[in-house]
C-alpha atoms as a PDB file:
ATOM      1  CA  MET A   1       0.056  -0.200  -0.174  1.00  0.00           C
ATOM      2  CA  LEU A   2       1.276   3.429  -0.837  1.00  0.00           C
ATOM      3  CA  ASP A   3       0.150   6.104   1.467  1.00  0.00           C
ATOM      4  CA  GLU A   4       0.623   9.456   2.901  1.00  0.00           C
ATOM      5  CA  GLY A   5       2.123   8.749   6.200  1.00  0.00           C
ATOM      6  CA  GLU A   6       2.104  11.904   8.893  1.00  0.00           C
ATOM      7  CA  GLY A   7       2.388  14.599   6.155  1.00  0.00           C
ATOM      8  CA  THR A   8       1.888  15.194   2.244  1.00  0.00           C
ATOM      9  CA  PRO A   9       4.195  12.867   0.441  1.00  0.00           C
ATOM     10  CA  VAL A  10       6.285  15.596  -1.176  1.00  0.00           C
ATOM     11  CA  ILE A  11       7.196  17.241   2.223  1.00  0.00           C
ATOM     12  CA  THR A  12       7.772  13.878   4.084  1.00  0.00           C
ATOM     13  CA  ALA A  13      10.016  13.113   1.379  1.00  0.00           C
ATOM     14  CA  ARG A  14      11.860  15.984   1.610  1.00  0.00           C
ATOM     15  CA  HIS A  15      12.158  15.893   5.313  1.00  0.00           C
ATOM     16  CA  ALA A  16      13.803  12.519   4.624  1.00  0.00           C
ATOM     17  CA  GLY A  17      16.348  14.211   2.357  1.00  0.00           C
ATOM     18  CA  ARG A  18      14.827  12.829  -0.863  1.00  0.00           C
ATOM     19  CA  GLU A  19      12.654  13.666  -3.976  1.00  0.00           C
ATOM     20  CA  LEU A  20       9.864  11.176  -5.116  1.00  0.00           C
ATOM     21  CA  ASN A  21      10.044  10.240  -8.602  1.00  0.00           C
ATOM     22  CA  PRO A  22       6.686   9.101 -10.356  1.00  0.00           C
ATOM     23  CA  GLN A  23       8.563   6.899 -12.860  1.00  0.00           C
ATOM     24  CA  GLU A  24      10.299   4.853  -9.989  1.00  0.00           C
ATOM     25  CA  LEU A  25       6.764   4.642  -8.204  1.00  0.00           C
ATOM     26  CA  ARG A  26       5.050   3.339 -11.130  1.00  0.00           C
ATOM     27  CA  GLY A  27       7.859   0.830 -11.927  1.00  0.00           C
ATOM     28  CA  ALA A  28       7.629  -0.296  -8.332  1.00  0.00           C
ATOM     29  CA  ALA A  29       3.926  -1.168  -8.525  1.00  0.00           C
ATOM     30  CA  THR A  30       2.629  -4.804  -8.799  1.00  0.00           C
ATOM     31  CA  ALA A  31      -0.680  -5.932  -9.739  1.00  0.00           C
ATOM     32  CA  ALA A  32      -1.276  -6.081  -5.998  1.00  0.00           C
ATOM     33  CA  THR A  33      -0.477  -2.553  -5.393  1.00  0.00           C
ATOM     34  CA  ILE A  34      -3.461  -0.753  -3.584  1.00  0.00           C
ATOM     35  CA  VAL A  35      -3.075   3.095  -3.289  1.00  0.00           C
ATOM     36  CA  GLY A  36      -3.863   4.628   0.144  1.00  0.00           C
ATOM     37  CA  LEU A  37      -5.464   8.030   0.060  1.00  0.00           C
ATOM     38  CA  ALA A  38      -4.527   9.077   3.350  1.00  0.00           C
ATOM     39  CA  GLY A  39      -5.871  12.398   3.225  1.00  0.00           C
ATOM     40  CA  ASN A  40      -6.999  14.481   0.183  1.00  0.00           C
ATOM     41  CA  PRO A  41      -6.455  12.242  -3.306  1.00  0.00           C
ATOM     42  CA  VAL A  42      -4.785  15.208  -4.698  1.00  0.00           C
ATOM     43  CA  SER A  43      -2.112  15.494  -1.997  1.00  0.00           C
ATOM     44  CA  PRO A  44       1.115  15.994  -4.043  1.00  0.00           C
ATOM     45  CA  LEU A  45       3.940  13.241  -4.562  1.00  0.00           C
ATOM     46  CA  THR A  46       5.660  16.133  -6.386  1.00  0.00           C
ATOM     47  CA  PRO A  47       4.794  19.428  -6.979  1.00  0.00           C
ATOM     48  CA  ARG A  48       2.890  18.497 -10.250  1.00  0.00           C
ATOM     49  CA  TYR A  49       1.900  14.850  -9.575  1.00  0.00           C
ATOM     50  CA  SER A  50      -0.693  13.517  -7.093  1.00  0.00           C
ATOM     51  CA  LEU A  51      -1.587  10.248  -5.284  1.00  0.00           C
ATOM     52  CA  ARG A  52      -4.636  10.425  -7.465  1.00  0.00           C
ATOM     53  CA  ASP A  53      -2.403  10.793 -10.564  1.00  0.00           C
ATOM     54  CA  LEU A  54      -0.711   7.573  -9.438  1.00  0.00           C
ATOM     55  CA  ALA A  55      -3.619   5.591  -9.020  1.00  0.00           C
ATOM     56  CA  MET A  56      -5.227   6.564 -12.301  1.00  0.00           C
ATOM     57  CA  GLU A  57      -2.029   5.609 -14.089  1.00  0.00           C
ATOM     58  CA  LEU A  58      -1.563   2.412 -12.371  1.00  0.00           C
ATOM     59  CA  GLY A  59      -5.590   1.534 -12.720  1.00  0.00           C
ATOM     60  CA  ALA A  60      -5.231   0.352  -8.977  1.00  0.00           C
ATOM     61  CA  PRO A  61      -8.194   0.306  -6.469  1.00  0.00           C
ATOM     62  CA  VAL A  62      -7.919   2.994  -3.631  1.00  0.00           C
ATOM     63  CA  VAL A  63      -8.509   2.758   0.135  1.00  0.00           C
ATOM     64  CA  VAL A  64      -9.587   6.032   1.685  1.00  0.00           C
ATOM     65  CA  THR A  65      -7.750   6.415   5.232  1.00  0.00           C
ATOM     66  CA  VAL A  66      -9.072   9.381   7.728  1.00  0.00           C
ATOM     67  CA  ALA A  67      -7.823   9.848  11.316  1.00  0.00           C
ATOM     68  CA  ALA A  68     -10.234   8.750  14.124  1.00  0.00           C
ATOM     69  CA  GLU A  69     -11.375  12.679  14.467  1.00  0.00           C
ATOM     70  CA  PRO A  70     -14.804  14.107  14.738  1.00  0.00           C
ATOM     71  CA  SER A  71     -14.892  14.939  11.095  1.00  0.00           C
ATOM     72  CA  LEU A  72     -14.054  11.685   9.891  1.00  0.00           C
ATOM     73  CA  THR A  73     -17.153  11.051   8.181  1.00  0.00           C
ATOM     74  CA  ALA A  74     -17.358  14.143   6.151  1.00  0.00           C
ATOM     75  CA  GLN A  75     -13.893  13.927   5.213  1.00  0.00           C
ATOM     76  CA  ALA A  76     -14.026  10.444   4.198  1.00  0.00           C
ATOM     77  CA  ARG A  77     -16.737  10.858   2.010  1.00  0.00           C
ATOM     78  CA  LEU A  78     -15.335  14.006   0.304  1.00  0.00           C
ATOM     79  CA  TYR A  79     -12.353  12.145  -0.315  1.00  0.00           C
ATOM     80  CA  ALA A  80     -13.953   8.904  -1.863  1.00  0.00           C
ATOM     81  CA  GLU A  81     -16.114  11.086  -3.870  1.00  0.00           C
ATOM     82  CA  ALA A  82     -13.062  12.789  -5.194  1.00  0.00           C
ATOM     83  CA  ALA A  83     -11.738   9.607  -6.182  1.00  0.00           C
ATOM     84  CA  ARG A  84     -14.758   8.539  -7.637  1.00  0.00           C
ATOM     85  CA  ASN A  85     -14.950  11.537  -9.864  1.00  0.00           C
ATOM     86  CA  ALA A  86     -11.733  10.568 -11.222  1.00  0.00           C
ATOM     87  CA  GLY A  87     -13.244   7.242 -12.262  1.00  0.00           C
ATOM     88  CA  LEU A  88     -11.244   5.321  -9.560  1.00  0.00           C
ATOM     89  CA  ALA A  89     -12.215   2.250  -7.728  1.00  0.00           C
ATOM     90  CA  VAL A  90     -12.692   2.916  -4.075  1.00  0.00           C
ATOM     91  CA  ALA A  91     -12.397  -0.452  -2.256  1.00  0.00           C
ATOM     92  CA  ALA A  92     -12.739   0.666   1.577  1.00  0.00           C
ATOM     93  CA  VAL A  93     -12.158   3.230   4.289  1.00  0.00           C
ATOM     94  CA  VAL A  94      -9.787   2.857   6.943  1.00  0.00           C
ATOM     95  CA  ILE A  95     -10.136   4.718  10.272  1.00  0.00           C
ATOM     96  CA  ASP A  96      -6.622   5.356  11.496  1.00  0.00           C
ATOM     97  CA  ARG A  97      -5.656   6.001  15.071  1.00  0.00           C
ATOM     98  CA  TRP A  98      -8.357   4.171  16.466  1.00  0.00           C
ATOM     99  CA  PRO A  99      -8.500   3.988  20.161  1.00  0.00           C
ATOM    100  CA  GLU A 100      -8.501   0.864  22.015  1.00  0.00           C
ATOM    101  CA  GLN A 101     -11.504   1.697  24.035  1.00  0.00           C
ATOM    102  CA  PRO A 102     -13.499   3.821  21.273  1.00  0.00           C
ATOM    103  CA  SER A 103     -16.259   6.188  22.378  1.00  0.00           C
ATOM    104  CA  ARG A 104     -20.154   5.787  21.596  1.00  0.00           C
ATOM    105  CA  VAL A 105     -19.650   8.756  19.273  1.00  0.00           C
ATOM    106  CA  GLN A 106     -16.616   7.138  17.555  1.00  0.00           C
ATOM    107  CA  LEU A 107     -18.477   3.932  17.098  1.00  0.00           C
ATOM    108  CA  ASP A 108     -21.803   5.687  15.954  1.00  0.00           C
ATOM    109  CA  GLU A 109     -19.507   7.433  13.496  1.00  0.00           C
ATOM    110  CA  ARG A 110     -18.182   4.261  11.857  1.00  0.00           C
ATOM    111  CA  VAL A 111     -21.759   3.001  11.483  1.00  0.00           C
ATOM    112  CA  LEU A 112     -22.757   6.135   9.685  1.00  0.00           C
ATOM    113  CA  LEU A 113     -19.677   6.393   7.630  1.00  0.00           C
ATOM    114  CA  HIS A 114     -20.462   2.690   6.112  1.00  0.00           C
ATOM    115  CA  GLU A 115     -24.119   4.142   5.559  1.00  0.00           C
ATOM    116  CA  VAL A 116     -23.364   6.920   3.544  1.00  0.00           C
ATOM    117  CA  SER A 117     -20.432   5.615   1.828  1.00  0.00           C
ATOM    118  CA  GLY A 118     -21.492   2.065   0.920  1.00  0.00           C
ATOM    119  CA  LEU A 119     -18.095   0.958   1.690  1.00  0.00           C
ATOM    120  CA  PRO A 120     -16.497  -1.448   4.066  1.00  0.00           C
ATOM    121  CA  VAL A 121     -15.102   0.432   7.072  1.00  0.00           C
ATOM    122  CA  LEU A 122     -12.263  -1.013   8.924  1.00  0.00           C
ATOM    123  CA  THR A 123     -10.254   0.402  11.960  1.00  0.00           C
ATOM    124  CA  LEU A 124      -6.443   0.654  12.604  1.00  0.00           C
ATOM    125  CA  SER A 125      -4.892   1.182  16.229  1.00  0.00           C
ATOM    126  CA  ALA A 126      -1.394   2.158  17.054  1.00  0.00           C
ATOM    127  CA  GLY A 127       0.968  -0.562  16.790  1.00  0.00           C
ATOM    128  CA  GLU A 128      -1.493  -3.096  15.260  1.00  0.00           C
ATOM    129  CA  THR A 129      -0.184  -5.042  12.157  1.00  0.00           C
ATOM    130  CA  PRO A 130      -3.541  -6.163  10.372  1.00  0.00           C
ATOM    131  CA  GLU A 131      -4.105  -8.550   7.656  1.00  0.00           C
ATOM    132  CA  TRP A 132      -5.915  -6.458   5.014  1.00  0.00           C
ATOM    133  CA  PRO A 133      -8.416  -8.242   2.734  1.00  0.00           C
ATOM    134  CA  VAL A 134      -6.300  -7.217  -0.172  1.00  0.00           C
ATOM    135  CA  GLU A 135      -7.806  -9.715  -2.958  1.00  0.00           C
ATOM    136  CA  GLU A 136     -11.351  -8.501  -1.935  1.00  0.00           C
ATOM    137  CA  TRP A 137     -10.001  -4.858  -2.439  1.00  0.00           C
ATOM    138  CA  LYS A 138      -8.294  -5.820  -5.783  1.00  0.00           C
ATOM    139  CA  GLU A 139     -11.854  -6.831  -7.154  1.00  0.00           C
ATOM    140  CA  ALA A 140     -13.252  -3.403  -6.354  1.00  0.00           C
ATOM    141  CA  LYS A 141     -14.998  -1.573  -9.439  1.00  0.00           C
ATOM    142  CA  PRO A 142     -15.341   2.074 -10.287  1.00  0.00           C
ATOM    143  CA  ILE A 143     -18.802   3.436  -9.008  1.00  0.00           C
ATOM    144  CA  ALA A 144     -19.771   6.948 -10.292  1.00  0.00           C
ATOM    145  CA  SER A 145     -20.353   9.391  -7.638  1.00  0.00           C
ATOM    146  CA  PRO A 146     -23.902  11.506  -8.019  1.00  0.00           C
ATOM    147  CA  ARG A 147     -21.665  14.533  -9.153  1.00  0.00           C
ATOM    148  CA  ALA A 148     -19.879  12.149 -11.764  1.00  0.00           C
ATOM    149  CA  ALA A 149     -23.194  10.672 -12.824  1.00  0.00           C
ATOM    150  CA  ALA A 150     -24.690  13.972 -13.184  1.00  0.00           C
ATOM    151  CA  GLN A 151     -21.879  15.095 -15.324  1.00  0.00           C
ATOM    152  CA  ALA A 152     -22.023  11.904 -17.554  1.00  0.00           C
ATOM    153  CA  ALA A 153     -25.831  12.883 -17.839  1.00  0.00           C
ATOM    154  CA  ALA A 154     -24.790  16.525 -18.964  1.00  0.00           C
ATOM    155  CA  PRO A 155     -23.760  17.192 -22.716  1.00  0.00           C
ATOM    156  CA  ALA A 156     -20.221  16.220 -23.315  1.00  0.00           C
ATOM    157  CA  ARG A 157     -17.532  18.895 -23.033  1.00  0.00           C
ATOM    158  CA  LEU A 158     -15.553  19.625 -25.915  1.00  0.00           C
ATOM    159  CA  ALA A 159     -11.947  18.176 -26.070  1.00  0.00           C
ATOM    160  CA  LEU A 160      -9.883  21.188 -25.810  1.00  0.00           C
ATOM    161  CA  GLU A 161      -6.001  21.453 -26.047  1.00  0.00           C
ATOM    162  CA  PRO A 162      -4.186  21.837 -22.471  1.00  0.00           C
ATOM    163  CA  TYR A 163      -2.925  24.978 -21.707  1.00  0.00           C
ATOM    164  CA  ARG A 164       0.803  24.930 -21.219  1.00  0.00           C
ATOM    165  CA  ALA A 165       1.734  27.532 -18.363  1.00  0.00           C
ATOM    166  CA  TRP A 166       5.214  29.040 -18.609  1.00  0.00           C
ATOM    167  CA  GLU A 167       7.193  28.476 -15.273  1.00  0.00           C
ATOM    168  CA  GLY A 168      10.757  29.763 -16.489  1.00  0.00           C
ATOM    169  CA  VAL A 169      13.084  32.029 -15.106  1.00  0.00           C
ATOM    170  CA  VAL A 170      13.423  35.777 -16.110  1.00  0.00           C
ATOM    171  CA  PRO A 171      17.012  38.002 -16.188  1.00  0.00           C
ATOM    172  CA  GLY A 172      15.475  40.575 -13.427  1.00  0.00           C
ATOM    173  CA  ASP A 173      13.588  43.741 -13.107  1.00  0.00           C
ATOM    174  CA  PRO A 174      12.522  44.859 -16.320  1.00  0.00           C
ATOM    175  CA  ARG A 175      13.542  48.268 -15.581  1.00  0.00           C
ATOM    176  CA  THR A 176      17.137  47.203 -15.037  1.00  0.00           C
ATOM    177  CA  ALA A 177      17.473  44.037 -17.062  1.00  0.00           C
ATOM    178  CA  PRO A 178      19.561  44.161 -20.329  1.00  0.00           C
ATOM    179  CA  ARG A 179      16.974  44.124 -23.665  1.00  0.00           C
ATOM    180  CA  PRO A 180      18.292  40.951 -25.086  1.00  0.00           C
ATOM    181  CA  ARG A 181      17.800  39.175 -22.144  1.00  0.00           C
ATOM    182  CA  ILE A 182      14.362  40.546 -21.734  1.00  0.00           C
ATOM    183  CA  MET A 183      13.763  39.614 -25.234  1.00  0.00           C
ATOM    184  CA  GLU A 184      14.772  36.044 -24.711  1.00  0.00           C
ATOM    185  CA  ALA A 185      12.265  35.570 -21.549  1.00  0.00           C
ATOM    186  CA  LEU A 186       9.387  37.025 -23.716  1.00  0.00           C
ATOM    187  CA  LEU A 187      10.135  35.007 -26.457  1.00  0.00           C
ATOM    188  CA  ASP A 188      10.082  31.860 -24.304  1.00  0.00           C
ATOM    189  CA  ILE A 189       6.756  32.864 -22.661  1.00  0.00           C
ATOM    190  CA  VAL A 190       4.818  33.293 -26.040  1.00  0.00           C
ATOM    191  CA  ALA A 191       6.408  29.752 -27.130  1.00  0.00           C
ATOM    192  CA  PHE A 192       4.598  28.233 -24.079  1.00  0.00           C
ATOM    193  CA  GLU A 193       1.379  30.265 -24.163  1.00  0.00           C
ATOM    194  CA  GLY A 194       0.944  32.021 -27.336  1.00  0.00           C
ATOM    195  CA  PRO A 195      -1.192  33.139 -28.891  1.00  0.00           C
ATOM    196  CA  LEU A 196      -1.663  35.199 -25.767  1.00  0.00           C
ATOM    197  CA  LEU A 197      -2.390  38.933 -24.740  1.00  0.00           C
ATOM    198  CA  ALA A 198       0.261  41.300 -24.453  1.00  0.00           C
ATOM    199  CA  SER A 199      -0.797  42.337 -21.200  1.00  0.00           C
ATOM    200  CA  ARG A 200      -0.525  38.609 -19.752  1.00  0.00           C
ATOM    201  CA  ALA A 201       2.890  37.889 -20.976  1.00  0.00           C
ATOM    202  CA  TYR A 202       4.020  41.233 -19.349  1.00  0.00           C
ATOM    203  CA  ALA A 203       2.115  40.072 -16.138  1.00  0.00           C
ATOM    204  CA  ILE A 204       3.881  36.920 -16.089  1.00  0.00           C
ATOM    205  CA  TYR A 205       7.385  38.456 -16.693  1.00  0.00           C
ATOM    206  CA  ASN A 206       6.620  40.794 -13.854  1.00  0.00           C
ATOM    207  CA  ARG A 207       5.546  38.323 -11.516  1.00  0.00           C
ATOM    208  CA  ALA A 208       8.716  36.072 -12.352  1.00  0.00           C
ATOM    209  CA  SER A 209      10.880  39.102 -11.817  1.00  0.00           C
ATOM    210  CA  GLY A 210       9.291  39.414  -8.179  1.00  0.00           C
ATOM    211  CA  GLY A 211       7.363  42.351  -9.110  1.00  0.00           C
ATOM    212  CA  LYS A 212       3.708  43.193  -7.652  1.00  0.00           C
ATOM    213  CA  LYS A 213       1.621  45.602  -9.671  1.00  0.00           C
ATOM    214  CA  LEU A 214       2.807  46.010 -13.126  1.00  0.00           C
ATOM    215  CA  THR A 215       3.418  49.731 -13.516  1.00  0.00           C
ATOM    216  CA  ALA A 216       3.757  51.732 -16.620  1.00  0.00           C
ATOM    217  CA  VAL A 217       7.229  52.183 -15.812  1.00  0.00           C
ATOM    218  CA  ALA A 218       7.953  48.291 -15.759  1.00  0.00           C
ATOM    219  CA  ARG A 219       5.820  47.454 -18.620  1.00  0.00           C
ATOM    220  CA  ALA A 220       7.593  50.237 -21.081  1.00  0.00           C
ATOM    221  CA  PRO A 221      10.561  48.114 -21.409  1.00  0.00           C
ATOM    222  CA  LEU A 222       8.564  44.891 -21.931  1.00  0.00           C
ATOM    223  CA  SER A 223       6.485  46.618 -24.581  1.00  0.00           C
ATOM    224  CA  ASN A 224       9.474  47.855 -25.988  1.00  0.00           C
ATOM    225  CA  SER A 225      11.321  44.470 -26.418  1.00  0.00           C
ATOM    226  CA  VAL A 226       8.075  43.104 -28.045  1.00  0.00           C
ATOM    227  CA  TYR A 227       8.419  45.740 -30.538  1.00  0.00           C
ATOM    228  CA  HIS A 228      11.869  44.573 -31.380  1.00  0.00           C
ATOM    229  CA  LEU A 229      11.198  41.002 -31.417  1.00  0.00           C
ATOM    230  CA  ALA A 230       8.424  41.470 -34.044  1.00  0.00           C
ATOM    231  CA  ARG A 231      10.453  44.047 -36.061  1.00  0.00           C
ATOM    232  CA  GLU A 232      13.280  41.283 -36.038  1.00  0.00           C
ATOM    233  CA  GLY A 233      10.508  38.857 -37.545  1.00  0.00           C
ATOM    234  CA  LYS A 234      10.598  36.352 -34.230  1.00  0.00           C
ATOM    235  CA  LEU A 235       7.315  37.321 -33.250  1.00  0.00           C
ATOM    236  CA  ASP A 236       4.045  38.192 -34.816  1.00  0.00           C
ATOM    237  CA  LEU A 237       2.379  41.185 -33.253  1.00  0.00           C
ATOM    238  CA  VAL A 238      -1.281  41.522 -33.796  1.00  0.00           C
ATOM    239  CA  THR A 239      -2.032  44.878 -32.678  1.00  0.00           C
ATOM    240  CA  THR A 240      -5.324  46.444 -31.891  1.00  0.00           C
ATOM    241  CA  ASP A 241      -5.456  48.306 -35.445  1.00  0.00           C
ATOM    242  CA  ASP A 242      -5.371  44.770 -36.930  1.00  0.00           C
ATOM    243  CA  ALA A 243      -8.047  43.439 -34.621  1.00  0.00           C
ATOM    244  CA  PRO A 244     -10.057  46.274 -33.333  1.00  0.00           C
ATOM    245  CA  TRP A 245     -12.294  43.992 -31.233  1.00  0.00           C
ATOM    246  CA  GLN A 246      -9.437  43.075 -28.947  1.00  0.00           C
ATOM    247  CA  ASP A 247      -8.781  45.951 -26.889  1.00  0.00           C
ATOM    248  CA  ASP A 248      -4.944  44.355 -26.328  1.00  0.00           C
ATOM    249  CA  ASP A 249      -2.326  43.235 -28.678  1.00  0.00           C
ATOM    250  CA  VAL A 250      -2.175  39.417 -29.187  1.00  0.00           C
ATOM    251  CA  LEU A 251       1.499  37.689 -29.435  1.00  0.00           C
ATOM    252  CA  ARG A 252       2.190  34.566 -31.172  1.00  0.00           C
ATOM    253  CA  LEU A 253       5.251  32.856 -32.816  1.00  0.00           C
ATOM    254  CA  PRO A 254       5.375  33.386 -36.652  1.00  0.00           C
ATOM    255  CA  ASP A 255       4.826  29.490 -37.469  1.00  0.00           C
ATOM    256  CA  SER A 256       2.038  29.111 -34.929  1.00  0.00           C
ATOM    257  CA  PRO A 257      -1.740  29.220 -36.183  1.00  0.00           C
ATOM    258  CA  PRO A 258      -3.440  32.284 -35.397  1.00  0.00           C
ATOM    259  CA  VAL A 259      -6.177  30.614 -33.057  1.00  0.00           C
ATOM    260  CA  VAL A 260      -5.314  27.755 -30.431  1.00  0.00           C
ATOM    261  CA  VAL A 261      -8.734  26.615 -28.693  1.00  0.00           C
ATOM    262  CA  ARG A 262      -7.406  25.482 -25.304  1.00  0.00           C
ATOM    263  CA  GLU A 263      -8.452  24.819 -21.670  1.00  0.00           C
ATOM    264  CA  LEU A 264      -8.812  27.979 -19.619  1.00  0.00           C
ATOM    265  CA  GLY A 265      -5.800  26.925 -17.591  1.00  0.00           C
ATOM    266  CA  PRO A 266      -4.280  29.501 -15.183  1.00  0.00           C
ATOM    267  CA  ARG A 267      -6.161  32.437 -17.111  1.00  0.00           C
ATOM    268  CA  GLU A 268      -9.011  34.541 -16.263  1.00  0.00           C
ATOM    269  CA  LEU A 269     -11.540  34.728 -18.675  1.00  0.00           C
ATOM    270  CA  ILE A 270     -10.742  38.074 -20.136  1.00  0.00           C
ATOM    271  CA  GLU A 271      -6.993  36.918 -20.571  1.00  0.00           C
ATOM    272  CA  VAL A 272      -8.440  34.602 -23.347  1.00  0.00           C
ATOM    273  CA  PRO A 273      -8.010  36.275 -26.894  1.00  0.00           C
ATOM    274  CA  LEU A 274     -11.645  36.993 -28.331  1.00  0.00           C
ATOM    275  CA  ASP A 275     -10.469  35.053 -31.453  1.00  0.00           C
ATOM    276  CA  GLU A 276     -10.044  31.836 -29.140  1.00  0.00           C
ATOM    277  CA  ILE A 277     -13.479  32.363 -27.534  1.00  0.00           C
ATOM    278  CA  ALA A 278     -15.174  32.843 -30.806  1.00  0.00           C
ATOM    279  CA  GLU A 279     -13.742  29.875 -32.257  1.00  0.00           C
ATOM    280  CA  LEU A 280     -14.786  27.751 -29.024  1.00  0.00           C
ATOM    281  CA  MET A 281     -18.303  29.318 -29.674  1.00  0.00           C
ATOM    282  CA  ARG A 282     -18.361  28.170 -33.240  1.00  0.00           C
ATOM    283  CA  ARG A 283     -16.972  24.561 -31.960  1.00  0.00           C
ATOM    284  CA  LEU A 284     -19.948  24.769 -29.422  1.00  0.00           C
ATOM    285  CA  GLN A 285     -22.600  25.627 -32.073  1.00  0.00           C
ATOM    286  CA  ALA A 286     -21.467  22.504 -34.330  1.00  0.00           C
ATOM    287  CA  ALA A 287     -21.782  20.141 -31.182  1.00  0.00           C
ATOM    288  CA  GLY A 288     -25.377  21.140 -30.518  1.00  0.00           C
ATOM    289  CA  GLN A 289     -24.396  23.164 -27.287  1.00  0.00           C
ATOM    290  CA  GLY A 290     -25.109  26.752 -28.848  1.00  0.00           C
ATOM    291  CA  GLY A 291     -28.314  27.644 -27.134  1.00  0.00           C
ATOM    292  CA  ASP A 292     -26.776  30.096 -24.831  1.00  0.00           C
ATOM    293  CA  LEU A 293     -23.204  30.458 -26.076  1.00  0.00           C
ATOM    294  CA  LYS A 294     -22.106  32.537 -23.320  1.00  0.00           C
ATOM    295  CA  ARG A 295     -23.298  30.107 -20.467  1.00  0.00           C
ATOM    296  CA  ALA A 296     -21.921  27.143 -22.607  1.00  0.00           C
ATOM    297  CA  VAL A 297     -18.264  28.731 -22.682  1.00  0.00           C
ATOM    298  CA  LEU A 298     -18.458  29.301 -18.909  1.00  0.00           C
ATOM    299  CA  ASN A 299     -19.397  25.748 -18.671  1.00  0.00           C
ATOM    300  CA  THR A 300     -16.636  24.466 -20.928  1.00  0.00           C
ATOM    301  CA  TYR A 301     -14.251  26.510 -18.757  1.00  0.00           C
ATOM    302  CA  GLY A 302     -15.419  25.264 -15.614  1.00  0.00           C
ATOM    303  CA  LEU A 303     -16.552  28.541 -14.527  1.00  0.00           C
ATOM    304  CA  VAL A 304     -19.949  29.440 -12.631  1.00  0.00           C
ATOM    305  CA  ARG A 305     -20.557  33.224 -11.825  1.00  0.00           C
ATOM    306  CA  MET A 306     -21.336  35.208 -14.871  1.00  0.00           C
ATOM    307  CA  THR A 307     -20.136  38.567 -13.948  1.00  0.00           C
ATOM    308  CA  ALA A 308     -20.910  41.837 -15.553  1.00  0.00           C
ATOM    309  CA  ARG A 309     -17.499  41.976 -17.217  1.00  0.00           C
ATOM    310  CA  ALA A 310     -17.610  38.295 -18.284  1.00  0.00           C
ATOM    311  CA  GLU A 311     -20.849  38.913 -19.916  1.00  0.00           C
ATOM    312  CA  GLN A 312     -19.458  41.952 -21.902  1.00  0.00           C
ATOM    313  CA  TYR A 313     -16.432  40.287 -23.010  1.00  0.00           C
ATOM    314  CA  LEU A 314     -18.319  37.239 -24.044  1.00  0.00           C
ATOM    315  CA  THR A 315     -20.958  39.444 -25.752  1.00  0.00           C
ATOM    316  CA  THR A 316     -18.026  40.934 -27.801  1.00  0.00           C
ATOM    317  CA  ALA A 317     -16.825  37.417 -28.791  1.00  0.00           C
ATOM    318  CA  GLU A 318     -20.265  36.293 -29.703  1.00  0.00           C
ATOM    319  CA  GLU A 319     -20.493  39.524 -32.224  1.00  0.00           C
ATOM    320  CA  LEU A 320     -17.270  38.798 -33.718  1.00  0.00           C
ATOM    321  CA  LEU A 321     -18.635  35.021 -34.221  1.00  0.00           C
ATOM    322  CA  SER A 322     -21.505  36.425 -36.085  1.00  0.00           C
ATOM    323  CA  ALA A 323     -19.560  39.311 -37.888  1.00  0.00           C
END
């Protein structure tokens, strides 16, 4: 069983002076591997790889482990549903740190946990070496949670390209860094995230340099670097004169497509180029989901609230679609 121990796996490993390697974990897995979700299923093994990711790649059943605390029923139900939403088979729940003489409340919680989860509920006391029913656990089958079932009944979401977020290093404060180095960093940002709005590219650079608010003084050398990149033919700069519907410049590499429909990723809605949203709307219409295009876009991006600003932005995209 692979579980979380006393802390998140990535922190526990670092305290032990090592880093977890997902490839090694997958290689060490066997047909009898059970992944123990000792806490939140998305607890990280590495900054970008979780216990849930491991279980999904192995196709292994999972056992949810919670501590014998007052919130154990709510926690176990939350973690089991998160695992089921990911299509994982949840085999059982184990209540850890179970006292030798449980209170009446703890006994009632154990019964309630079985009732609400429909899962076998086992206990584990300090120092105990149990014989787990691994063979039974291996036979567990995925069961859709109510949320997953509702999602399955809803119209299928369009398959969008994943959004690649840039996470590199910049040469420093844009006000003092050499322009050639700034140009290199901006070109790398655009290579990862383009086509993207210029304001997003500048904000990414500014944050990476340790800046907070992007001031006009800090923006000027970034804008100047983009101008030089465009003049050298290393970057396509679509200005507001070329695309008057967009109130910001759009940056992309010369050999990249002008529009790439992607997941929202770390972007705010208003950071998505309007051409990209308009193309998404066109695809939604083709998929029979064009009744309320603005709401369909929010649903596709996993957003809920239609703010006034979002509605105005989506209205512009809808007008662009019908232009």
